Structures are given as C-alpha cells and as structure tokens.
Amino acid sequence: MGDTLVVDNDPNDKDSENKKPKTEVHKRSSTRPKTKVYRKGVADEKEEKTVNVTDDLDETSVDPVVGWLVVIDGPGKGHSLEVKVGNNSIGRGEDYSICLDFGDTTITAKEAQANIIFDEANTKFHITPSGGRNLLYKLSGDKMDPILQVEEIIGGTNIKMGATTLRFVALCGDDFKWD
C-alpha cells in the first residue's frame, strides 16, 4: 500500500524546529504505490515530490556494506564511503563504485585510481592499483610504501592517493559476515 506523508514545517519559521510535523497517511490500492512529501513555505506553495515505494523489498537484491573508506586528510576530510562485496573501483568520476570527487584533482576522473576487493568466500580485503597516473601508498607511521600489486589490507590501514589520505574500516571479517 502507498502512503502520503504531509509535513507542515516552514523552514523560514523560527519556531518550526520545535513543532512536530503534521503527518497524514492515506491508504491507496495500487500495484506501484507512491509516497508524496510536501514541504510548506517554499516559494509560497507546497513543494511536491513523488517517490515510488516497494512493499516487498527483495533482501537478495541488497548489496551489503562490508567496510568503509574514511577521508582522514585532504579534500573531503571527514567523509565516509561504502565498500561493498566484490570489486570496488575508486576514482574521481561518477562511474566508479567509490567516487572521491572532493576536489583532489591529482586523482584522475578518466580512469580508476585503485580497486578494493572484498573476497566474500575468504572474508579478506585486497587493494590493487589501477590505471591512474599516480601511485598508491600504504602508510605506516612516517613510512610510505607504494602499492604496486594486489595486497591484502586490514581494518585500520591508511592509504594515500594523490593529496587524499583514506583510512580503511572493515565491517566484515572473521568475527562477522553477511549470510
């Protein structure tokens, strides 16, 4: 069943933060339910957005998160990016699984800079350089070791790519994996 959610909060009203949203739910009988969200106060009219909703989500279609790359230095500092099962290409363009488009122009937008691979069968993570023009580095204290071939990485590994330093955070491993 589809629902309609009406939120009556004016973003220009100073007291709107203290008000609870007014919610109205309307049941619909349709094969493709829609959710409508209204925001009052935008251009003196209600702004309407319609989103398709699926009642029976197929859990097998979900590509679960297995880890994250967190930008700890350089452009985009503080952002986190999801690592999924299998091969995750990393680059500045939108076509990559992990898009590092935070302003670091030393990371190429035309080709992947690297790939992070999660081997689900062995619950191991690997990183490999791709066709990017810059080298990747694994950081350990003050030491920078270039990554020239496929290498296993573990949670807490810091990786330098251009002017950006990433910290790899693993969710899956010997103590947890998605079934």
C-alpha atoms as a PDB file:
ATOM      1  CA  MET A   1       0.000   0.000   0.000  1.00  0.00           C
ATOM      2  CA  GLY A   2       1.180   3.526  -0.706  1.00  0.00           C
ATOM      3  CA  ASP A   3       1.125   6.312   1.842  1.00  0.00           C
ATOM      4  CA  THR A   4       1.052  10.078   1.624  1.00  0.00           C
ATOM      5  CA  LEU A   5       3.140  11.939   4.172  1.00  0.00           C
ATOM      6  CA  VAL A   6       2.393  15.599   4.716  1.00  0.00           C
ATOM      7  CA  VAL A   7       4.979  17.598   6.650  1.00  0.00           C
ATOM      8  CA  ASP A   8       3.836  21.111   7.519  1.00  0.00           C
ATOM      9  CA  ASN A   9       7.037  22.858   8.619  1.00  0.00           C
ATOM     10  CA  ASP A  10       8.047  26.266   7.326  1.00  0.00           C
ATOM     11  CA  PRO A  11      11.884  26.477   7.042  1.00  0.00           C
ATOM     12  CA  ASN A  12      11.638  30.269   7.495  1.00  0.00           C
ATOM     13  CA  ASP A  13       9.612  29.949  10.721  1.00  0.00           C
ATOM     14  CA  LYS A  14      11.952  30.258  13.725  1.00  0.00           C
ATOM     15  CA  ASP A  15       9.653  28.087  15.827  1.00  0.00           C
ATOM     16  CA  SER A  16       9.388  25.333  13.187  1.00  0.00           C
ATOM     17  CA  GLU A  17      12.208  23.363  14.808  1.00  0.00           C
ATOM     18  CA  ASN A  18      10.088  22.996  17.951  1.00  0.00           C
ATOM     19  CA  LYS A  19       6.963  21.913  16.067  1.00  0.00           C
ATOM     20  CA  LYS A  20       6.251  18.301  15.283  1.00  0.00           C
ATOM     21  CA  PRO A  21       5.498  17.529  11.630  1.00  0.00           C
ATOM     22  CA  LYS A  22       1.833  17.164  10.789  1.00  0.00           C
ATOM     23  CA  THR A  23       1.519  13.733   9.245  1.00  0.00           C
ATOM     24  CA  GLU A  24      -1.417  12.414   7.238  1.00  0.00           C
ATOM     25  CA  VAL A  25      -1.392   8.877   5.917  1.00  0.00           C
ATOM     26  CA  HIS A  26      -3.736   7.923   3.084  1.00  0.00           C
ATOM     27  CA  LYS A  27      -4.087   4.296   2.075  1.00  0.00           C
ATOM     28  CA  ARG A  28      -4.049   3.605  -1.683  1.00  0.00           C
ATOM     29  CA  SER A  29      -4.759   0.481  -3.618  1.00  0.00           C
ATOM     30  CA  SER A  30      -2.236   0.390  -6.412  1.00  0.00           C
ATOM     31  CA  THR A  31       0.384  -2.001  -7.696  1.00  0.00           C
ATOM     32  CA  ARG A  32       3.015   0.774  -7.714  1.00  0.00           C
ATOM     33  CA  PRO A  33       2.489   2.754  -4.506  1.00  0.00           C
ATOM     34  CA  LYS A  34       3.711   6.321  -4.337  1.00  0.00           C
ATOM     35  CA  THR A  35       4.822   8.434  -1.410  1.00  0.00           C
ATOM     36  CA  LYS A  36       4.232  12.155  -1.643  1.00  0.00           C
ATOM     37  CA  VAL A  37       6.220  14.535   0.522  1.00  0.00           C
ATOM     38  CA  TYR A  38       5.079  18.152   0.862  1.00  0.00           C
ATOM     39  CA  ARG A  39       7.132  20.980   2.356  1.00  0.00           C
ATOM     40  CA  LYS A  40       5.198  24.162   3.073  1.00  0.00           C
ATOM     41  CA  GLY A  41       6.840  27.562   2.848  1.00  0.00           C
ATOM     42  CA  VAL A  42       8.954  27.056  -0.259  1.00  0.00           C
ATOM     43  CA  ALA A  43       8.087  29.718  -2.849  1.00  0.00           C
ATOM     44  CA  ASP A  44       4.739  30.312  -1.048  1.00  0.00           C
ATOM     45  CA  GLU A  45       3.437  26.973  -2.370  1.00  0.00           C
ATOM     46  CA  LYS A  46       3.701  23.374  -1.385  1.00  0.00           C
ATOM     47  CA  GLU A  47       6.661  21.624  -2.980  1.00  0.00           C
ATOM     48  CA  GLU A  48       5.706  18.137  -4.089  1.00  0.00           C
ATOM     49  CA  LYS A  49       7.991  15.179  -4.683  1.00  0.00           C
ATOM     50  CA  THR A  50       6.700  11.727  -5.582  1.00  0.00           C
ATOM     51  CA  VAL A  51       8.730   8.620  -4.901  1.00  0.00           C
ATOM     52  CA  ASN A  52       7.923   5.028  -5.853  1.00  0.00           C
ATOM     53  CA  VAL A  53       7.877   2.658  -2.894  1.00  0.00           C
ATOM     54  CA  THR A  54       8.073  -1.130  -2.941  1.00  0.00           C
ATOM     55  CA  ASP A  55       6.207  -3.010  -0.234  1.00  0.00           C
ATOM     56  CA  ASP A  56       8.071  -6.273  -0.599  1.00  0.00           C
ATOM     57  CA  LEU A  57      11.774  -5.481  -0.853  1.00  0.00           C
ATOM     58  CA  ASP A  58      13.799  -8.457  -2.018  1.00  0.00           C
ATOM     59  CA  GLU A  59      16.621  -8.848   0.506  1.00  0.00           C
ATOM     60  CA  THR A  60      18.735 -10.725  -2.022  1.00  0.00           C
ATOM     61  CA  SER A  61      18.937  -7.590  -4.175  1.00  0.00           C
ATOM     62  CA  VAL A  62      20.664  -5.585  -1.429  1.00  0.00           C
ATOM     63  CA  ASP A  63      24.385  -5.103  -1.918  1.00  0.00           C
ATOM     64  CA  PRO A  64      25.513  -5.026   1.720  1.00  0.00           C
ATOM     65  CA  VAL A  65      28.221  -2.779   3.095  1.00  0.00           C
ATOM     66  CA  VAL A  66      31.343  -4.694   4.108  1.00  0.00           C
ATOM     67  CA  GLY A  67      33.525  -1.737   5.092  1.00  0.00           C
ATOM     68  CA  TRP A  68      34.215   1.956   4.621  1.00  0.00           C
ATOM     69  CA  LEU A  69      36.884   4.296   3.384  1.00  0.00           C
ATOM     70  CA  VAL A  70      37.043   7.403   5.557  1.00  0.00           C
ATOM     71  CA  VAL A  71      38.824  10.520   4.289  1.00  0.00           C
ATOM     72  CA  ILE A  72      41.143  11.450   7.178  1.00  0.00           C
ATOM     73  CA  ASP A  73      43.255  14.071   5.396  1.00  0.00           C
ATOM     74  CA  GLY A  74      42.998  16.197   2.285  1.00  0.00           C
ATOM     75  CA  PRO A  75      39.930  17.353   0.352  1.00  0.00           C
ATOM     76  CA  GLY A  76      36.777  15.702   1.662  1.00  0.00           C
ATOM     77  CA  LYS A  77      38.174  15.195   5.159  1.00  0.00           C
ATOM     78  CA  GLY A  78      35.527  13.594   7.365  1.00  0.00           C
ATOM     79  CA  HIS A  79      33.539  11.918   4.559  1.00  0.00           C
ATOM     80  CA  SER A  80      32.988   8.150   4.566  1.00  0.00           C
ATOM     81  CA  LEU A  81      32.388   5.947   1.532  1.00  0.00           C
ATOM     82  CA  GLU A  82      30.901   2.465   1.476  1.00  0.00           C
ATOM     83  CA  VAL A  83      32.844  -0.604   0.353  1.00  0.00           C
ATOM     84  CA  LYS A  84      30.627  -3.395  -0.997  1.00  0.00           C
ATOM     85  CA  VAL A  85      31.111  -7.097  -1.768  1.00  0.00           C
ATOM     86  CA  GLY A  86      33.375  -7.842  -4.744  1.00  0.00           C
ATOM     87  CA  ASN A  87      35.335  -5.311  -6.779  1.00  0.00           C
ATOM     88  CA  ASN A  88      35.025  -1.615  -5.860  1.00  0.00           C
ATOM     89  CA  SER A  89      36.673   0.779  -8.300  1.00  0.00           C
ATOM     90  CA  ILE A  90      37.967   4.040  -6.807  1.00  0.00           C
ATOM     91  CA  GLY A  91      38.269   7.262  -8.773  1.00  0.00           C
ATOM     92  CA  ARG A  92      37.032  10.822  -9.064  1.00  0.00           C
ATOM     93  CA  GLY A  93      34.349  10.146 -11.687  1.00  0.00           C
ATOM     94  CA  GLU A  94      30.729   9.195 -11.009  1.00  0.00           C
ATOM     95  CA  ASP A  95      31.182   5.881 -12.865  1.00  0.00           C
ATOM     96  CA  TYR A  96      33.288   4.426 -10.060  1.00  0.00           C
ATOM     97  CA  SER A  97      31.914   2.381  -7.161  1.00  0.00           C
ATOM     98  CA  ILE A  98      33.696   4.715  -4.769  1.00  0.00           C
ATOM     99  CA  CYS A  99      33.710   8.313  -6.005  1.00  0.00           C
ATOM    100  CA  LEU A 100      36.342  10.580  -4.431  1.00  0.00           C
ATOM    101  CA  ASP A 101      35.159  13.798  -6.061  1.00  0.00           C
ATOM    102  CA  PHE A 102      36.019  16.169  -3.221  1.00  0.00           C
ATOM    103  CA  GLY A 103      38.335  18.475  -5.175  1.00  0.00           C
ATOM    104  CA  ASP A 104      41.562  16.458  -5.278  1.00  0.00           C
ATOM    105  CA  THR A 105      42.437  16.876  -8.962  1.00  0.00           C
ATOM    106  CA  THR A 106      45.504  14.642  -8.576  1.00  0.00           C
ATOM    107  CA  ILE A 107      43.059  11.704  -8.521  1.00  0.00           C
ATOM    108  CA  THR A 108      42.109  11.093 -12.119  1.00  0.00           C
ATOM    109  CA  ALA A 109      38.487  11.268 -13.249  1.00  0.00           C
ATOM    110  CA  LYS A 110      39.117   9.384 -16.500  1.00  0.00           C
ATOM    111  CA  GLU A 111      40.273   6.050 -15.106  1.00  0.00           C
ATOM    112  CA  ALA A 112      40.095   4.254 -11.781  1.00  0.00           C
ATOM    113  CA  GLN A 113      42.904   5.039  -9.369  1.00  0.00           C
ATOM    114  CA  ALA A 114      42.575   1.764  -7.456  1.00  0.00           C
ATOM    115  CA  ASN A 115      40.309  -1.163  -6.646  1.00  0.00           C
ATOM    116  CA  ILE A 116      39.341  -2.507  -3.255  1.00  0.00           C
ATOM    117  CA  ILE A 117      38.156  -6.081  -3.430  1.00  0.00           C
ATOM    118  CA  PHE A 118      36.233  -7.938  -0.749  1.00  0.00           C
ATOM    119  CA  ASP A 119      36.659 -11.687  -1.153  1.00  0.00           C
ATOM    120  CA  GLU A 120      33.455 -12.928   0.444  1.00  0.00           C
ATOM    121  CA  ALA A 121      34.471 -16.612   0.452  1.00  0.00           C
ATOM    122  CA  ASN A 122      37.630 -15.922   2.489  1.00  0.00           C
ATOM    123  CA  THR A 123      36.411 -12.709   4.220  1.00  0.00           C
ATOM    124  CA  LYS A 124      39.556 -10.847   3.140  1.00  0.00           C
ATOM    125  CA  PHE A 125      40.075  -7.377   1.678  1.00  0.00           C
ATOM    126  CA  HIS A 126      42.616  -6.547  -1.014  1.00  0.00           C
ATOM    127  CA  ILE A 127      43.704  -3.359  -2.741  1.00  0.00           C
ATOM    128  CA  THR A 128      45.268  -3.063  -6.150  1.00  0.00           C
ATOM    129  CA  PRO A 129      46.384  -0.080  -8.234  1.00  0.00           C
ATOM    130  CA  SER A 130      44.507   0.617 -11.459  1.00  0.00           C
ATOM    131  CA  GLY A 131      45.363   2.744 -14.450  1.00  0.00           C
ATOM    132  CA  GLY A 132      45.586   6.041 -12.571  1.00  0.00           C
ATOM    133  CA  ARG A 133      48.688   8.116 -13.187  1.00  0.00           C
ATOM    134  CA  ASN A 134      49.627   8.431  -9.504  1.00  0.00           C
ATOM    135  CA  LEU A 135      50.983   5.790  -7.188  1.00  0.00           C
ATOM    136  CA  LEU A 136      49.062   4.486  -4.186  1.00  0.00           C
ATOM    137  CA  TYR A 137      50.796   4.320  -0.842  1.00  0.00           C
ATOM    138  CA  LYS A 138      50.166   2.277   2.272  1.00  0.00           C
ATOM    139  CA  LEU A 139      51.057   4.435   5.267  1.00  0.00           C
ATOM    140  CA  SER A 140      52.619   3.061   8.425  1.00  0.00           C
ATOM    141  CA  GLY A 141      53.739   5.776  10.817  1.00  0.00           C
ATOM    142  CA  ASP A 142      56.100   8.030   8.829  1.00  0.00           C
ATOM    143  CA  LYS A 143      56.727   5.289   6.263  1.00  0.00           C
ATOM    144  CA  MET A 144      55.045   5.347   2.813  1.00  0.00           C
ATOM    145  CA  ASP A 145      55.179   2.019   0.963  1.00  0.00           C
ATOM    146  CA  PRO A 146      53.989   2.067  -2.667  1.00  0.00           C
ATOM    147  CA  ILE A 147      51.244  -0.401  -3.568  1.00  0.00           C
ATOM    148  CA  LEU A 148      52.424  -1.873  -6.872  1.00  0.00           C
ATOM    149  CA  GLN A 149      50.377  -5.083  -6.996  1.00  0.00           C
ATOM    150  CA  VAL A 150      47.464  -6.753  -5.199  1.00  0.00           C
ATOM    151  CA  GLU A 151      47.937  -6.536  -1.429  1.00  0.00           C
ATOM    152  CA  GLU A 152      45.778  -7.677   1.452  1.00  0.00           C
ATOM    153  CA  ILE A 153      44.593  -4.853   3.698  1.00  0.00           C
ATOM    154  CA  ILE A 154      43.094  -4.964   7.181  1.00  0.00           C
ATOM    155  CA  GLY A 155      40.973  -2.565   9.175  1.00  0.00           C
ATOM    156  CA  GLY A 156      42.955   0.486  10.245  1.00  0.00           C
ATOM    157  CA  THR A 157      45.119   0.590   7.106  1.00  0.00           C
ATOM    158  CA  ASN A 158      45.802   4.129   5.875  1.00  0.00           C
ATOM    159  CA  ILE A 159      46.066   4.649   2.125  1.00  0.00           C
ATOM    160  CA  LYS A 160      47.396   7.763   0.371  1.00  0.00           C
ATOM    161  CA  MET A 161      46.041   8.525  -3.060  1.00  0.00           C
ATOM    162  CA  GLY A 162      47.005  11.902  -4.533  1.00  0.00           C
ATOM    163  CA  ALA A 163      46.519  14.562  -1.838  1.00  0.00           C
ATOM    164  CA  THR A 164      43.903  12.402  -0.083  1.00  0.00           C
ATOM    165  CA  THR A 165      44.535  10.022   2.818  1.00  0.00           C
ATOM    166  CA  LEU A 166      41.935   7.328   3.460  1.00  0.00           C
ATOM    167  CA  ARG A 167      41.524   5.024   6.439  1.00  0.00           C
ATOM    168  CA  PHE A 168      40.045   1.635   5.706  1.00  0.00           C
ATOM    169  CA  VAL A 169      37.456   0.423   8.229  1.00  0.00           C
ATOM    170  CA  ALA A 170      36.373  -3.226   7.890  1.00  0.00           C
ATOM    171  CA  LEU A 171      32.912  -4.390   8.935  1.00  0.00           C
ATOM    172  CA  CYS A 172      33.202  -7.972   7.696  1.00  0.00           C
ATOM    173  CA  GLY A 173      35.948 -10.330   8.767  1.00  0.00           C
ATOM    174  CA  ASP A 174      36.488 -13.446  10.869  1.00  0.00           C
ATOM    175  CA  ASP A 175      34.080 -12.191  13.540  1.00  0.00           C
ATOM    176  CA  PHE A 176      31.236 -11.068  11.210  1.00  0.00           C
ATOM    177  CA  LYS A 177      29.997 -11.661   7.687  1.00  0.00           C
ATOM    178  CA  TRP A 178      26.655 -11.325   5.936  1.00  0.00           C
ATOM    179  CA  ASP A 179      24.795 -14.608   5.466  1.00  0.00           C
END
